[in-house]
Amino acid sequence: MPGSHPFRSRRRHLLAVAAMYAAAPAEGHKLLLTGINIVSMNPALIEKMPFDPQRAFAPVSLLGTTSLALAVHPRVPVTSVQELVELARRQPGKIS
């Protein structure tokens, strides 16, 4: 599909699966194994979530931890996260 990015497509798919689980009856026979993105990152990134992850899911166990890194190309004129956010606000739609 032109203009489609594999990460956006995967995020839409994972969100659709999580929404299906969120809408299912809470009879105790379903388990959704997912990363932190469904509960904490997606609500911050997606304006209209199809469900409230805080109400739809209850944590059962922490299976592992991971680190996240934020990297920019050396030509991007920023040296901090704050500068990157300010640059993105000045140039909406140009930074991804």
Protein backbone atom coordinates (compact mmCIF):
# COMPACT_ATOMS: atom_id res chain seq x y z
CA MET A 1 0.00 0.00 0.00
CA PRO A 2 1.58 3.35 -1.00
CA GLY A 3 2.42 5.59 1.92
CA SER A 4 1.95 2.76 4.42
CA HIS A 5 4.66 2.16 6.97
CA PRO A 6 5.11 -1.36 8.41
CA PHE A 7 5.27 -0.09 12.00
CA ARG A 8 2.01 1.85 11.62
CA SER A 9 0.34 -1.21 10.11
CA ARG A 10 1.59 -3.43 12.95
CA ARG A 11 0.45 -0.90 15.56
CA ARG A 12 -3.05 -0.82 14.01
CA HIS A 13 -3.18 -4.62 14.05
CA LEU A 14 -2.05 -4.87 17.70
CA LEU A 15 -4.53 -2.18 18.70
CA ALA A 16 -7.35 -4.04 16.91
CA VAL A 17 -6.46 -7.28 18.72
CA ALA A 18 -6.33 -5.49 22.09
CA ALA A 19 -9.70 -3.85 21.35
CA MET A 20 -11.16 -7.28 20.61
CA TYR A 21 -9.92 -8.57 23.98
CA ALA A 22 -11.15 -5.40 25.73
CA ALA A 23 -14.66 -5.94 24.31
CA ALA A 24 -14.77 -9.64 25.25
CA PRO A 25 -16.67 -10.74 28.36
CA ALA A 26 -14.46 -10.86 31.47
CA GLU A 27 -15.04 -14.52 32.29
CA GLY A 28 -11.44 -15.21 33.27
CA HIS A 29 -10.49 -17.46 30.36
CA LYS A 30 -8.60 -15.00 28.15
CA LEU A 31 -5.04 -13.74 28.53
CA LEU A 32 -3.57 -10.91 26.46
CA LEU A 33 0.21 -10.94 26.35
CA THR A 34 1.35 -7.53 25.18
CA GLY A 35 4.00 -4.92 25.63
CA ILE A 36 3.64 -1.74 27.60
CA ASN A 37 2.54 0.15 24.49
CA ILE A 38 -1.11 -0.91 24.76
CA VAL A 39 -1.50 0.40 28.30
CA SER A 40 0.79 3.40 28.57
CA MET A 41 2.19 4.52 25.22
CA ASN A 42 -0.81 4.22 22.91
CA PRO A 43 -3.14 6.38 25.04
CA ALA A 44 -0.51 9.14 24.86
CA LEU A 45 -0.02 8.74 21.10
CA ILE A 46 -3.54 7.93 19.86
CA GLU A 47 -6.14 10.65 20.25
CA LYS A 48 -9.18 8.37 20.23
CA MET A 49 -8.43 4.98 21.73
CA PRO A 50 -11.15 2.41 20.96
CA PHE A 51 -11.12 1.35 24.64
CA ASP A 52 -9.79 2.49 28.02
CA PRO A 53 -6.81 0.20 28.69
CA GLN A 54 -6.75 1.06 32.41
CA ARG A 55 -10.30 -0.27 32.79
CA ALA A 56 -10.20 -3.02 30.18
CA PHE A 57 -7.16 -4.89 31.48
CA ALA A 58 -5.74 -5.93 34.82
CA PRO A 59 -2.02 -6.65 35.16
CA VAL A 60 -1.16 -10.23 36.06
CA SER A 61 2.63 -10.41 35.99
CA LEU A 62 5.74 -8.65 34.79
CA LEU A 63 7.47 -11.02 32.40
CA GLY A 64 10.51 -8.90 31.65
CA THR A 65 11.93 -5.44 31.22
CA THR A 66 13.40 -3.59 28.30
CA SER A 67 15.21 -0.36 27.65
CA LEU A 68 14.11 2.31 25.23
CA ALA A 69 16.39 4.67 23.37
CA LEU A 70 15.63 7.88 21.51
CA ALA A 71 18.05 8.56 18.67
CA VAL A 72 18.21 11.24 16.00
CA HIS A 73 20.30 11.59 12.88
CA PRO A 74 23.50 13.60 13.50
CA ARG A 75 22.28 16.30 11.11
CA VAL A 76 19.18 17.02 13.21
CA PRO A 77 20.08 20.24 15.05
CA VAL A 78 19.12 19.13 18.58
CA THR A 79 21.05 18.02 21.65
CA SER A 80 18.20 17.20 24.05
CA VAL A 81 14.69 15.78 24.12
CA GLN A 82 13.32 19.24 24.89
CA GLU A 83 15.00 20.66 21.78
CA LEU A 84 13.62 17.78 19.69
CA VAL A 85 10.09 18.42 20.95
CA GLU A 86 10.42 22.14 20.23
CA LEU A 87 11.71 21.40 16.71
CA ALA A 88 8.82 19.00 16.09
CA ARG A 89 6.32 21.63 17.24
CA ARG A 90 7.83 24.21 14.90
CA GLN A 91 7.69 21.77 11.98
CA PRO A 92 4.48 19.73 12.36
CA GLY A 93 4.34 16.61 10.21
CA LYS A 94 8.00 16.77 9.15
CA ILE A 95 9.61 14.71 11.93
CA SER A 96 8.85 11.03 12.33
